[in-house]
Amino acid sequence: MDGVLVDSMSYHAQAVENIFKQIGVEMDRQDIFEREGERTADIITYLLEKGARDISVYDIQDIVERYIAEFNRIVKLKVFDGMQECLTELKERFDLAVVSGSDRPIVHDILNSKYPGIFDNIVSADDVKKGKPSPEPYLKAVEMLGIKKEEGIVIENAPMGVEAAKKAGLCCVAVPTYLDSGKFNQADIVIEDHTHLIEFLLGLEPSYKCDHSAKS
């Protein structure tokens, strides 16, 4: 969702940064972009372990809830140009699902607002025990869609998500929205930007077979 459907990661980073200032813990917002795709609770835990001497004094769930409220307060959602129209057309030929590391309230609020009625299934951080880079989120989506692995294509913009998709045995197309393309060498295909991603998606047919040799 974040970085593929909506240009939202800067708001996620800012929301976490604002909360960490409130609790007096230093953090590097670049870590959020590097670890994008993980569950929020896992990112918060990582940042606390890196920036605090003793994380046992912090309530992870409370910080997550404060972050959600802060994100909702500051976010100004912008969808990537052409994605709504692209997915509306794709829905005629494919089953579509979202697999996000964001928390359920954020995922459903964004999708209901910007992509209503588009997706057949939604997997959020709250729907799995282990988030990306574990394959569990993508395996759950495969099960919910009722498809074979070779029938699925994952679109990712985060290294953690690419790793999760490949561990799940799925074809993965990466679009490097916020990071250098060199971070995505595990992906089957790397597409340089959303304009070319949309061209790729609109050209897909249900018989498509992943070209594992195409890296750009």
N, C-alpha and C. Protein backbone atom coordinates (compact mmCIF):
# COMPACT_ATOMS: atom_id res chain seq x y z
N MET A 1 0.83 -1.20 0.00
CA MET A 1 0.00 0.00 0.00
C MET A 1 0.87 1.26 0.00
N ASP A 2 1.62 1.44 1.11
CA ASP A 2 2.45 2.64 1.23
C ASP A 2 3.61 2.55 0.24
N GLY A 3 3.69 3.54 -0.64
CA GLY A 3 4.78 3.55 -1.61
C GLY A 3 4.46 2.90 -2.94
N VAL A 4 3.37 2.13 -3.00
CA VAL A 4 2.90 1.57 -4.26
C VAL A 4 1.58 2.22 -4.66
N LEU A 5 0.65 2.27 -3.72
CA LEU A 5 -0.67 2.87 -3.99
C LEU A 5 -0.75 4.32 -3.58
N VAL A 6 -0.17 4.64 -2.44
CA VAL A 6 -0.20 6.02 -1.93
C VAL A 6 1.20 6.46 -1.54
N ASP A 7 1.49 7.75 -1.78
CA ASP A 7 2.78 8.33 -1.47
C ASP A 7 2.74 8.82 -0.02
N SER A 8 2.93 7.90 0.92
CA SER A 8 2.61 8.17 2.32
C SER A 8 3.77 7.96 3.29
N MET A 9 4.89 7.42 2.84
CA MET A 9 5.92 7.01 3.79
C MET A 9 6.52 8.19 4.56
N SER A 10 6.58 9.37 3.96
CA SER A 10 7.13 10.51 4.69
C SER A 10 6.28 10.85 5.90
N TYR A 11 4.96 10.61 5.79
CA TYR A 11 4.06 10.87 6.92
C TYR A 11 4.22 9.81 8.00
N HIS A 12 4.43 8.56 7.60
CA HIS A 12 4.70 7.51 8.59
C HIS A 12 5.97 7.85 9.37
N ALA A 13 7.01 8.24 8.63
CA ALA A 13 8.29 8.57 9.28
C ALA A 13 8.14 9.76 10.21
N GLN A 14 7.41 10.77 9.76
CA GLN A 14 7.22 11.96 10.59
C GLN A 14 6.42 11.65 11.85
N ALA A 15 5.40 10.82 11.70
CA ALA A 15 4.57 10.46 12.86
C ALA A 15 5.39 9.73 13.91
N VAL A 16 6.20 8.78 13.48
CA VAL A 16 7.06 8.04 14.43
C VAL A 16 8.06 8.99 15.07
N GLU A 17 8.65 9.85 14.26
CA GLU A 17 9.63 10.80 14.78
C GLU A 17 9.02 11.72 15.83
N ASN A 18 7.80 12.18 15.57
CA ASN A 18 7.12 13.05 16.54
C ASN A 18 6.89 12.34 17.87
N ILE A 19 6.47 11.09 17.82
CA ILE A 19 6.22 10.34 19.05
C ILE A 19 7.52 10.05 19.79
N PHE A 20 8.58 9.74 19.05
CA PHE A 20 9.87 9.46 19.70
C PHE A 20 10.42 10.72 20.37
N LYS A 21 10.17 11.88 19.81
CA LYS A 21 10.58 13.12 20.48
C LYS A 21 9.83 13.27 21.80
N GLN A 22 8.54 12.90 21.79
CA GLN A 22 7.74 13.01 23.01
C GLN A 22 8.25 12.09 24.12
N ILE A 23 8.75 10.91 23.74
CA ILE A 23 9.21 9.97 24.76
C ILE A 23 10.71 10.09 25.02
N GLY A 24 11.36 11.03 24.31
CA GLY A 24 12.75 11.32 24.58
C GLY A 24 13.75 10.30 24.08
N VAL A 25 13.45 9.66 22.96
CA VAL A 25 14.35 8.67 22.37
C VAL A 25 14.79 9.15 20.99
N GLU A 26 16.10 9.15 20.75
CA GLU A 26 16.60 9.56 19.45
C GLU A 26 16.41 8.44 18.42
N MET A 27 16.19 8.83 17.18
CA MET A 27 16.02 7.86 16.10
C MET A 27 16.45 8.48 14.79
N ASP A 28 16.74 7.63 13.82
CA ASP A 28 17.10 8.05 12.47
C ASP A 28 15.94 7.68 11.57
N ARG A 29 15.27 8.68 10.99
CA ARG A 29 14.08 8.39 10.18
C ARG A 29 14.41 7.54 8.95
N GLN A 30 15.68 7.54 8.52
CA GLN A 30 16.06 6.68 7.39
C GLN A 30 15.83 5.21 7.72
N ASP A 31 15.93 4.87 9.00
CA ASP A 31 15.67 3.48 9.41
C ASP A 31 14.25 3.05 9.05
N ILE A 32 13.31 3.99 9.09
CA ILE A 32 11.92 3.67 8.78
C ILE A 32 11.79 3.32 7.30
N PHE A 33 12.46 4.06 6.44
CA PHE A 33 12.42 3.75 5.01
C PHE A 33 13.13 2.42 4.73
N GLU A 34 14.22 2.17 5.44
CA GLU A 34 14.96 0.92 5.25
C GLU A 34 14.14 -0.29 5.69
N ARG A 35 13.32 -0.11 6.73
CA ARG A 35 12.58 -1.24 7.31
C ARG A 35 11.10 -1.20 6.95
N GLU A 36 10.76 -0.36 5.99
CA GLU A 36 9.37 -0.28 5.53
C GLU A 36 8.86 -1.67 5.14
N GLY A 37 7.61 -1.91 5.49
CA GLY A 37 6.99 -3.20 5.19
C GLY A 37 6.84 -4.05 6.43
N GLU A 38 7.73 -3.86 7.41
CA GLU A 38 7.58 -4.55 8.68
C GLU A 38 6.35 -4.03 9.42
N ARG A 39 5.86 -4.81 10.37
CA ARG A 39 4.78 -4.34 11.22
C ARG A 39 5.28 -3.15 12.05
N THR A 40 4.37 -2.22 12.33
CA THR A 40 4.74 -1.03 13.09
C THR A 40 5.36 -1.39 14.42
N ALA A 41 4.77 -2.38 15.12
CA ALA A 41 5.29 -2.78 16.43
C ALA A 41 6.73 -3.26 16.32
N ASP A 42 7.06 -3.95 15.22
CA ASP A 42 8.43 -4.45 15.04
C ASP A 42 9.40 -3.30 14.75
N ILE A 43 8.94 -2.31 13.97
CA ILE A 43 9.79 -1.15 13.68
C ILE A 43 10.03 -0.35 14.96
N ILE A 44 8.97 -0.14 15.74
CA ILE A 44 9.09 0.60 16.99
C ILE A 44 10.07 -0.11 17.92
N THR A 45 9.95 -1.43 18.02
CA THR A 45 10.86 -2.20 18.87
C THR A 45 12.30 -2.05 18.41
N TYR A 46 12.52 -2.14 17.10
CA TYR A 46 13.87 -1.97 16.55
C TYR A 46 14.43 -0.59 16.89
N LEU A 47 13.63 0.44 16.71
CA LEU A 47 14.10 1.81 16.97
C LEU A 47 14.40 2.02 18.45
N LEU A 48 13.58 1.44 19.32
CA LEU A 48 13.83 1.55 20.76
C LEU A 48 15.11 0.82 21.15
N GLU A 49 15.30 -0.37 20.58
CA GLU A 49 16.51 -1.14 20.89
C GLU A 49 17.76 -0.39 20.44
N LYS A 50 17.62 0.37 19.37
CA LYS A 50 18.76 1.12 18.83
C LYS A 50 19.00 2.42 19.60
N GLY A 51 17.92 3.04 20.07
CA GLY A 51 18.06 4.38 20.64
C GLY A 51 17.89 4.51 22.14
N ALA A 52 17.40 3.45 22.80
CA ALA A 52 17.16 3.52 24.24
C ALA A 52 18.01 2.49 24.98
N ARG A 53 18.38 2.82 26.20
CA ARG A 53 19.20 1.89 26.98
C ARG A 53 18.38 0.70 27.48
N ASP A 54 17.14 0.95 27.85
CA ASP A 54 16.31 -0.10 28.42
C ASP A 54 14.91 0.00 27.84
N ILE A 55 14.56 -0.91 26.91
CA ILE A 55 13.25 -0.79 26.27
C ILE A 55 12.13 -1.34 27.14
N SER A 56 12.49 -2.02 28.22
CA SER A 56 11.45 -2.62 29.07
C SER A 56 10.57 -1.57 29.74
N VAL A 57 11.05 -0.33 29.78
CA VAL A 57 10.26 0.73 30.43
C VAL A 57 9.22 1.32 29.49
N TYR A 58 9.21 0.88 28.24
CA TYR A 58 8.28 1.43 27.26
C TYR A 58 7.17 0.44 26.93
N ASP A 59 5.98 0.97 26.74
CA ASP A 59 4.81 0.18 26.35
C ASP A 59 4.69 0.25 24.83
N ILE A 60 5.10 -0.81 24.16
CA ILE A 60 5.13 -0.82 22.69
C ILE A 60 3.75 -0.53 22.11
N GLN A 61 2.72 -1.20 22.63
CA GLN A 61 1.38 -1.02 22.08
C GLN A 61 0.89 0.41 22.26
N ASP A 62 1.23 1.03 23.40
CA ASP A 62 0.85 2.43 23.62
C ASP A 62 1.52 3.34 22.60
N ILE A 63 2.80 3.08 22.31
CA ILE A 63 3.51 3.89 21.32
C ILE A 63 2.90 3.70 19.94
N VAL A 64 2.54 2.46 19.60
CA VAL A 64 1.89 2.19 18.31
C VAL A 64 0.58 2.96 18.19
N GLU A 65 -0.22 2.94 19.24
CA GLU A 65 -1.51 3.64 19.21
C GLU A 65 -1.32 5.15 19.10
N ARG A 66 -0.31 5.67 19.78
CA ARG A 66 -0.01 7.11 19.67
C ARG A 66 0.47 7.46 18.27
N TYR A 67 1.26 6.56 17.70
CA TYR A 67 1.73 6.77 16.32
C TYR A 67 0.55 6.79 15.34
N ILE A 68 -0.39 5.85 15.48
CA ILE A 68 -1.56 5.81 14.58
C ILE A 68 -2.33 7.12 14.66
N ALA A 69 -2.55 7.59 15.88
CA ALA A 69 -3.28 8.85 16.06
C ALA A 69 -2.51 10.02 15.44
N GLU A 70 -1.19 10.02 15.60
CA GLU A 70 -0.37 11.10 15.05
C GLU A 70 -0.35 11.04 13.52
N PHE A 71 -0.24 9.84 12.96
CA PHE A 71 -0.28 9.69 11.51
C PHE A 71 -1.59 10.23 10.95
N ASN A 72 -2.70 9.84 11.56
CA ASN A 72 -4.01 10.31 11.10
C ASN A 72 -4.14 11.83 11.22
N ARG A 73 -3.45 12.41 12.19
CA ARG A 73 -3.52 13.86 12.39
C ARG A 73 -2.77 14.63 11.31
N ILE A 74 -1.62 14.11 10.88
CA ILE A 74 -0.76 14.88 9.97
C ILE A 74 -0.86 14.48 8.51
N VAL A 75 -1.37 13.28 8.22
CA VAL A 75 -1.29 12.76 6.86
C VAL A 75 -2.14 13.56 5.87
N LYS A 76 -1.59 13.75 4.69
CA LYS A 76 -2.31 14.33 3.55
C LYS A 76 -2.11 13.35 2.40
N LEU A 77 -3.10 12.48 2.21
CA LEU A 77 -2.94 11.37 1.29
C LEU A 77 -2.87 11.81 -0.16
N LYS A 78 -1.92 11.24 -0.87
CA LYS A 78 -1.78 11.47 -2.31
C LYS A 78 -1.57 10.12 -2.98
N VAL A 79 -2.46 9.79 -3.90
CA VAL A 79 -2.28 8.55 -4.64
C VAL A 79 -1.32 8.81 -5.80
N PHE A 80 -0.63 7.77 -6.22
CA PHE A 80 0.27 7.91 -7.36
C PHE A 80 -0.57 8.05 -8.64
N ASP A 81 -0.18 8.99 -9.46
CA ASP A 81 -0.93 9.30 -10.68
C ASP A 81 -1.18 8.05 -11.51
N GLY A 82 -2.44 7.83 -11.84
CA GLY A 82 -2.82 6.74 -12.74
C GLY A 82 -3.10 5.42 -12.07
N MET A 83 -2.78 5.28 -10.77
CA MET A 83 -2.94 3.98 -10.12
C MET A 83 -4.40 3.60 -9.94
N GLN A 84 -5.24 4.54 -9.60
CA GLN A 84 -6.67 4.22 -9.43
C GLN A 84 -7.27 3.70 -10.73
N GLU A 85 -6.99 4.40 -11.82
CA GLU A 85 -7.52 3.99 -13.13
C GLU A 85 -6.92 2.66 -13.56
N CYS A 86 -5.64 2.48 -13.30
CA CYS A 86 -4.96 1.23 -13.65
C CYS A 86 -5.60 0.04 -12.94
N LEU A 87 -5.80 0.16 -11.64
CA LEU A 87 -6.35 -0.96 -10.86
C LEU A 87 -7.81 -1.21 -11.18
N THR A 88 -8.53 -0.17 -11.50
CA THR A 88 -9.93 -0.35 -11.91
C THR A 88 -10.00 -1.22 -13.16
N GLU A 89 -9.07 -0.99 -14.09
CA GLU A 89 -9.03 -1.80 -15.31
C GLU A 89 -8.53 -3.21 -15.01
N LEU A 90 -7.50 -3.33 -14.16
CA LEU A 90 -6.96 -4.65 -13.83
C LEU A 90 -7.99 -5.53 -13.13
N LYS A 91 -8.88 -4.91 -12.36
CA LYS A 91 -9.87 -5.67 -11.61
C LYS A 91 -10.78 -6.48 -12.53
N GLU A 92 -10.88 -6.07 -13.78
CA GLU A 92 -11.69 -6.81 -14.75
C GLU A 92 -11.03 -8.13 -15.15
N ARG A 93 -9.70 -8.25 -14.94
CA ARG A 93 -8.97 -9.43 -15.39
C ARG A 93 -8.33 -10.23 -14.27
N PHE A 94 -8.17 -9.61 -13.10
CA PHE A 94 -7.42 -10.25 -12.02
C PHE A 94 -8.13 -10.10 -10.67
N ASP A 95 -7.81 -11.01 -9.75
CA ASP A 95 -8.16 -10.82 -8.34
C ASP A 95 -7.06 -9.98 -7.72
N LEU A 96 -7.44 -8.99 -6.93
CA LEU A 96 -6.47 -8.05 -6.37
C LEU A 96 -6.50 -8.09 -4.85
N ALA A 97 -5.32 -8.02 -4.25
CA ALA A 97 -5.22 -8.00 -2.79
C ALA A 97 -4.15 -6.99 -2.38
N VAL A 98 -4.29 -6.48 -1.17
CA VAL A 98 -3.27 -5.62 -0.56
C VAL A 98 -2.66 -6.36 0.61
N VAL A 99 -1.33 -6.37 0.68
CA VAL A 99 -0.60 -6.95 1.80
C VAL A 99 0.28 -5.83 2.37
N SER A 100 -0.11 -5.32 3.53
CA SER A 100 0.57 -4.16 4.10
C SER A 100 1.11 -4.43 5.49
N GLY A 101 2.24 -3.81 5.81
CA GLY A 101 2.78 -3.88 7.16
C GLY A 101 2.17 -2.86 8.08
N SER A 102 1.33 -1.98 7.54
CA SER A 102 0.67 -0.96 8.37
C SER A 102 -0.44 -1.58 9.20
N ASP A 103 -0.84 -0.87 10.23
CA ASP A 103 -1.87 -1.36 11.13
C ASP A 103 -3.25 -1.28 10.48
N ARG A 104 -4.13 -2.19 10.89
CA ARG A 104 -5.44 -2.34 10.24
C ARG A 104 -6.22 -1.03 10.11
N PRO A 105 -6.32 -0.20 11.16
CA PRO A 105 -7.12 1.03 11.00
C PRO A 105 -6.59 1.93 9.89
N ILE A 106 -5.27 2.06 9.79
CA ILE A 106 -4.69 2.90 8.74
C ILE A 106 -4.93 2.30 7.37
N VAL A 107 -4.70 0.99 7.23
CA VAL A 107 -4.87 0.33 5.93
C VAL A 107 -6.30 0.49 5.43
N HIS A 108 -7.27 0.17 6.27
CA HIS A 108 -8.67 0.21 5.83
C HIS A 108 -9.14 1.65 5.58
N ASP A 109 -8.68 2.59 6.40
CA ASP A 109 -9.06 3.99 6.18
C ASP A 109 -8.55 4.49 4.83
N ILE A 110 -7.28 4.17 4.51
CA ILE A 110 -6.70 4.63 3.25
C ILE A 110 -7.39 3.97 2.06
N LEU A 111 -7.56 2.66 2.12
CA LEU A 111 -8.15 1.95 0.98
C LEU A 111 -9.61 2.32 0.78
N ASN A 112 -10.35 2.48 1.86
CA ASN A 112 -11.76 2.89 1.73
C ASN A 112 -11.89 4.29 1.17
N SER A 113 -10.89 5.13 1.47
CA SER A 113 -10.92 6.51 1.00
C SER A 113 -10.47 6.65 -0.45
N LYS A 114 -9.38 5.95 -0.79
CA LYS A 114 -8.75 6.18 -2.09
C LYS A 114 -8.96 5.07 -3.11
N TYR A 115 -9.25 3.85 -2.64
CA TYR A 115 -9.43 2.71 -3.56
C TYR A 115 -10.65 1.89 -3.17
N PRO A 116 -11.81 2.53 -3.04
CA PRO A 116 -13.00 1.79 -2.59
C PRO A 116 -13.43 0.72 -3.58
N GLY A 117 -13.69 -0.48 -3.07
CA GLY A 117 -14.23 -1.55 -3.89
C GLY A 117 -13.24 -2.20 -4.84
N ILE A 118 -11.96 -1.85 -4.74
CA ILE A 118 -10.97 -2.37 -5.69
C ILE A 118 -10.44 -3.74 -5.29
N PHE A 119 -10.20 -3.93 -3.99
CA PHE A 119 -9.45 -5.11 -3.56
C PHE A 119 -10.35 -6.20 -3.00
N ASP A 120 -10.07 -7.43 -3.44
CA ASP A 120 -10.85 -8.58 -2.99
C ASP A 120 -10.47 -8.99 -1.57
N ASN A 121 -9.20 -8.82 -1.21
CA ASN A 121 -8.73 -9.21 0.11
C ASN A 121 -7.69 -8.21 0.61
N ILE A 122 -7.63 -8.07 1.94
CA ILE A 122 -6.68 -7.16 2.57
C ILE A 122 -6.01 -7.88 3.73
N VAL A 123 -4.68 -7.82 3.75
CA VAL A 123 -3.90 -8.36 4.86
C VAL A 123 -3.12 -7.20 5.47
N SER A 124 -3.38 -6.92 6.75
CA SER A 124 -2.68 -5.86 7.46
C SER A 124 -1.76 -6.47 8.52
N ALA A 125 -1.03 -5.62 9.22
CA ALA A 125 -0.14 -6.10 10.28
C ALA A 125 -0.89 -6.85 11.36
N ASP A 126 -2.14 -6.47 11.59
CA ASP A 126 -2.93 -7.09 12.66
C ASP A 126 -3.48 -8.46 12.27
N ASP A 127 -3.31 -8.85 11.02
CA ASP A 127 -3.88 -10.11 10.54
C ASP A 127 -2.89 -11.27 10.55
N VAL A 128 -1.64 -11.00 10.97
CA VAL A 128 -0.61 -12.04 10.96
C VAL A 128 0.16 -12.01 12.28
N LYS A 129 0.78 -13.14 12.59
CA LYS A 129 1.63 -13.22 13.78
C LYS A 129 3.01 -12.66 13.50
N LYS A 130 3.50 -12.91 12.29
CA LYS A 130 4.81 -12.40 11.89
C LYS A 130 4.66 -11.56 10.64
N GLY A 131 5.19 -10.34 10.68
CA GLY A 131 5.13 -9.47 9.53
C GLY A 131 6.30 -9.66 8.59
N LYS A 132 6.33 -8.91 7.51
CA LYS A 132 7.47 -8.92 6.60
C LYS A 132 8.74 -8.62 7.39
N PRO A 133 9.87 -9.28 7.09
CA PRO A 133 10.18 -10.10 5.92
C PRO A 133 9.76 -11.56 6.02
N SER A 134 8.99 -11.94 7.02
CA SER A 134 8.42 -13.29 7.05
C SER A 134 7.50 -13.47 5.84
N PRO A 135 7.41 -14.66 5.28
CA PRO A 135 6.50 -14.89 4.16
C PRO A 135 5.03 -14.97 4.58
N GLU A 136 4.77 -15.00 5.88
CA GLU A 136 3.39 -15.23 6.36
C GLU A 136 2.35 -14.29 5.74
N PRO A 137 2.60 -12.97 5.65
CA PRO A 137 1.57 -12.10 5.07
C PRO A 137 1.20 -12.46 3.64
N TYR A 138 2.21 -12.80 2.83
CA TYR A 138 1.92 -13.13 1.44
C TYR A 138 1.31 -14.53 1.30
N LEU A 139 1.72 -15.45 2.14
CA LEU A 139 1.10 -16.78 2.12
C LEU A 139 -0.37 -16.69 2.52
N LYS A 140 -0.67 -15.79 3.45
CA LYS A 140 -2.06 -15.59 3.85
C LYS A 140 -2.88 -15.02 2.70
N ALA A 141 -2.30 -14.09 1.96
CA ALA A 141 -3.00 -13.51 0.81
C ALA A 141 -3.26 -14.56 -0.27
N VAL A 142 -2.26 -15.40 -0.53
CA VAL A 142 -2.43 -16.48 -1.51
C VAL A 142 -3.59 -17.38 -1.10
N GLU A 143 -3.64 -17.72 0.18
CA GLU A 143 -4.71 -18.57 0.69
C GLU A 143 -6.07 -17.89 0.56
N MET A 144 -6.14 -16.62 0.92
CA MET A 144 -7.40 -15.88 0.85
C MET A 144 -7.90 -15.75 -0.58
N LEU A 145 -6.97 -15.54 -1.52
CA LEU A 145 -7.35 -15.39 -2.92
C LEU A 145 -7.70 -16.73 -3.56
N GLY A 146 -7.23 -17.83 -2.95
CA GLY A 146 -7.51 -19.15 -3.51
C GLY A 146 -6.79 -19.41 -4.81
N ILE A 147 -5.53 -18.96 -4.87
CA ILE A 147 -4.74 -19.13 -6.10
C ILE A 147 -3.52 -20.01 -5.83
N LYS A 148 -2.89 -20.45 -6.90
CA LYS A 148 -1.60 -21.13 -6.81
C LYS A 148 -0.51 -20.06 -6.78
N LYS A 149 0.62 -20.39 -6.18
CA LYS A 149 1.71 -19.42 -6.08
C LYS A 149 2.15 -18.89 -7.44
N GLU A 150 2.20 -19.80 -8.42
CA GLU A 150 2.67 -19.38 -9.74
C GLU A 150 1.67 -18.47 -10.46
N GLU A 151 0.48 -18.32 -9.89
CA GLU A 151 -0.52 -17.43 -10.47
C GLU A 151 -0.48 -16.03 -9.86
N GLY A 152 0.40 -15.82 -8.88
CA GLY A 152 0.44 -14.55 -8.18
C GLY A 152 1.63 -13.69 -8.57
N ILE A 153 1.44 -12.38 -8.59
CA ILE A 153 2.51 -11.42 -8.80
C ILE A 153 2.43 -10.38 -7.68
N VAL A 154 3.54 -10.15 -7.02
CA VAL A 154 3.62 -9.16 -5.95
C VAL A 154 4.26 -7.88 -6.49
N ILE A 155 3.67 -6.74 -6.15
CA ILE A 155 4.27 -5.45 -6.47
C ILE A 155 4.77 -4.86 -5.16
N GLU A 156 6.06 -4.62 -5.05
CA GLU A 156 6.66 -4.15 -3.80
C GLU A 156 7.53 -2.92 -4.02
N ASN A 157 7.66 -2.11 -2.97
CA ASN A 157 8.59 -0.98 -3.04
C ASN A 157 9.56 -0.98 -1.86
N ALA A 158 9.55 -2.07 -1.07
CA ALA A 158 10.39 -2.12 0.12
C ALA A 158 11.20 -3.42 0.13
N PRO A 159 12.49 -3.35 0.47
CA PRO A 159 13.30 -4.56 0.52
C PRO A 159 12.74 -5.64 1.43
N MET A 160 12.17 -5.25 2.58
CA MET A 160 11.58 -6.23 3.48
C MET A 160 10.42 -6.96 2.80
N GLY A 161 9.65 -6.23 2.02
CA GLY A 161 8.53 -6.82 1.31
C GLY A 161 8.97 -7.75 0.19
N VAL A 162 10.01 -7.34 -0.52
CA VAL A 162 10.57 -8.20 -1.57
C VAL A 162 11.05 -9.52 -0.96
N GLU A 163 11.76 -9.42 0.15
CA GLU A 163 12.25 -10.62 0.82
C GLU A 163 11.10 -11.53 1.24
N ALA A 164 10.02 -10.93 1.76
CA ALA A 164 8.84 -11.71 2.16
C ALA A 164 8.20 -12.41 0.98
N ALA A 165 8.08 -11.70 -0.14
CA ALA A 165 7.46 -12.27 -1.33
C ALA A 165 8.28 -13.44 -1.87
N LYS A 166 9.59 -13.29 -1.91
CA LYS A 166 10.44 -14.35 -2.44
C LYS A 166 10.47 -15.56 -1.50
N LYS A 167 10.45 -15.32 -0.19
CA LYS A 167 10.37 -16.43 0.76
C LYS A 167 9.07 -17.19 0.60
N ALA A 168 8.02 -16.49 0.18
CA ALA A 168 6.72 -17.12 -0.04
C ALA A 168 6.65 -17.84 -1.38
N GLY A 169 7.71 -17.73 -2.19
CA GLY A 169 7.74 -18.41 -3.48
C GLY A 169 6.98 -17.71 -4.58
N LEU A 170 6.88 -16.38 -4.48
CA LEU A 170 6.08 -15.61 -5.44
C LEU A 170 6.96 -14.77 -6.36
N CYS A 171 6.47 -14.51 -7.54
CA CYS A 171 7.10 -13.56 -8.45
C CYS A 171 6.98 -12.17 -7.85
N CYS A 172 8.07 -11.40 -7.86
CA CYS A 172 8.04 -10.08 -7.24
C CYS A 172 8.58 -9.02 -8.19
N VAL A 173 7.76 -8.00 -8.41
CA VAL A 173 8.14 -6.83 -9.19
C VAL A 173 8.36 -5.68 -8.22
N ALA A 174 9.52 -5.03 -8.30
CA ALA A 174 9.85 -3.94 -7.38
C ALA A 174 9.85 -2.61 -8.09
N VAL A 175 9.31 -1.58 -7.42
CA VAL A 175 9.41 -0.20 -7.87
C VAL A 175 10.06 0.59 -6.74
N PRO A 176 11.27 1.11 -6.94
CA PRO A 176 12.03 1.74 -5.85
C PRO A 176 11.55 3.16 -5.55
N THR A 177 10.45 3.28 -4.85
CA THR A 177 9.83 4.58 -4.61
C THR A 177 10.70 5.49 -3.76
N TYR A 178 11.25 4.95 -2.67
CA TYR A 178 11.96 5.78 -1.69
C TYR A 178 13.43 5.42 -1.52
N LEU A 179 13.85 4.31 -2.09
CA LEU A 179 15.22 3.85 -1.92
C LEU A 179 15.88 3.61 -3.27
N ASP A 180 17.20 3.55 -3.27
CA ASP A 180 17.95 3.29 -4.48
C ASP A 180 17.61 1.90 -5.03
N SER A 181 17.59 1.77 -6.35
CA SER A 181 17.21 0.50 -6.98
C SER A 181 18.15 -0.64 -6.61
N GLY A 182 19.37 -0.30 -6.18
CA GLY A 182 20.32 -1.34 -5.78
C GLY A 182 19.89 -2.12 -4.55
N LYS A 183 18.90 -1.61 -3.82
CA LYS A 183 18.39 -2.28 -2.62
C LYS A 183 17.46 -3.44 -2.98
N PHE A 184 17.16 -3.63 -4.26
CA PHE A 184 16.11 -4.56 -4.66
C PHE A 184 16.62 -5.71 -5.52
N ASN A 185 17.83 -6.17 -5.24
CA ASN A 185 18.40 -7.21 -6.09
C ASN A 185 17.75 -8.57 -5.90
N GLN A 186 16.90 -8.73 -4.89
CA GLN A 186 16.18 -9.99 -4.73
C GLN A 186 14.95 -10.07 -5.63
N ALA A 187 14.48 -8.93 -6.12
CA ALA A 187 13.26 -8.90 -6.94
C ALA A 187 13.51 -9.56 -8.29
N ASP A 188 12.45 -10.13 -8.85
CA ASP A 188 12.55 -10.73 -10.19
C ASP A 188 12.65 -9.66 -11.26
N ILE A 189 11.94 -8.57 -11.06
CA ILE A 189 11.93 -7.46 -12.01
C ILE A 189 11.98 -6.16 -11.21
N VAL A 190 12.80 -5.20 -11.65
CA VAL A 190 12.82 -3.88 -11.05
C VAL A 190 12.37 -2.87 -12.10
N ILE A 191 11.32 -2.12 -11.78
CA ILE A 191 10.76 -1.14 -12.70
C ILE A 191 11.03 0.25 -12.13
N GLU A 192 11.55 1.15 -12.95
CA GLU A 192 12.16 2.37 -12.44
C GLU A 192 11.21 3.35 -11.76
N ASP A 193 9.95 3.42 -12.18
CA ASP A 193 9.04 4.39 -11.58
C ASP A 193 7.60 3.97 -11.82
N HIS A 194 6.66 4.74 -11.28
CA HIS A 194 5.25 4.37 -11.37
C HIS A 194 4.69 4.48 -12.78
N THR A 195 5.23 5.38 -13.57
CA THR A 195 4.77 5.49 -14.96
C THR A 195 5.02 4.18 -15.70
N HIS A 196 6.22 3.64 -15.55
CA HIS A 196 6.56 2.38 -16.20
C HIS A 196 5.88 1.20 -15.52
N LEU A 197 5.65 1.30 -14.22
CA LEU A 197 4.92 0.24 -13.52
C LEU A 197 3.50 0.10 -14.07
N ILE A 198 2.84 1.23 -14.26
CA ILE A 198 1.47 1.20 -14.78
C ILE A 198 1.45 0.61 -16.19
N GLU A 199 2.42 0.97 -17.01
CA GLU A 199 2.52 0.40 -18.36
C GLU A 199 2.67 -1.12 -18.28
N PHE A 200 3.51 -1.58 -17.36
CA PHE A 200 3.71 -3.01 -17.17
C PHE A 200 2.42 -3.70 -16.72
N LEU A 201 1.76 -3.13 -15.75
CA LEU A 201 0.55 -3.74 -15.20
C LEU A 201 -0.57 -3.81 -16.24
N LEU A 202 -0.76 -2.73 -16.98
CA LEU A 202 -1.83 -2.72 -17.97
C LEU A 202 -1.57 -3.69 -19.12
N GLY A 203 -0.30 -4.06 -19.30
CA GLY A 203 0.04 -5.02 -20.35
C GLY A 203 -0.06 -6.47 -19.90
N LEU A 204 -0.35 -6.71 -18.63
CA LEU A 204 -0.42 -8.07 -18.11
C LEU A 204 -1.65 -8.82 -18.62
N GLU A 205 -1.45 -10.10 -18.85
CA GLU A 205 -2.56 -11.00 -19.15
C GLU A 205 -2.54 -12.12 -18.11
N PRO A 206 -3.70 -12.76 -17.87
CA PRO A 206 -3.74 -13.84 -16.87
C PRO A 206 -2.76 -14.98 -17.13
N SER A 207 -2.31 -15.12 -18.38
CA SER A 207 -1.36 -16.19 -18.72
C SER A 207 0.09 -15.79 -18.49
N TYR A 208 0.34 -14.58 -17.94
CA TYR A 208 1.69 -14.06 -17.77
C TYR A 208 2.56 -15.00 -16.94
N LYS A 209 3.78 -15.21 -17.39
CA LYS A 209 4.77 -15.98 -16.64
C LYS A 209 5.92 -15.05 -16.26
N CYS A 210 6.32 -15.10 -15.03
CA CYS A 210 7.35 -14.19 -14.51
C CYS A 210 8.67 -14.40 -15.24
N ASP A 211 9.28 -13.30 -15.68
CA ASP A 211 10.59 -13.34 -16.33
C ASP A 211 11.65 -13.09 -15.25
N HIS A 212 12.20 -14.15 -14.72
CA HIS A 212 13.14 -14.04 -13.61
C HIS A 212 14.48 -13.43 -14.04
N SER A 213 14.68 -13.28 -15.32
CA SER A 213 15.95 -12.72 -15.79
C SER A 213 15.89 -11.22 -16.02
N ALA A 214 14.68 -10.64 -15.95
CA ALA A 214 14.50 -9.22 -16.22
C ALA A 214 14.66 -8.42 -14.92
N LYS A 215 15.75 -7.69 -14.80
CA LYS A 215 16.00 -6.95 -13.57
C LYS A 215 15.77 -5.44 -13.71
N SER A 216 15.42 -4.99 -14.87
CA SER A 216 15.15 -3.56 -15.00
C SER A 216 14.31 -3.33 -16.26
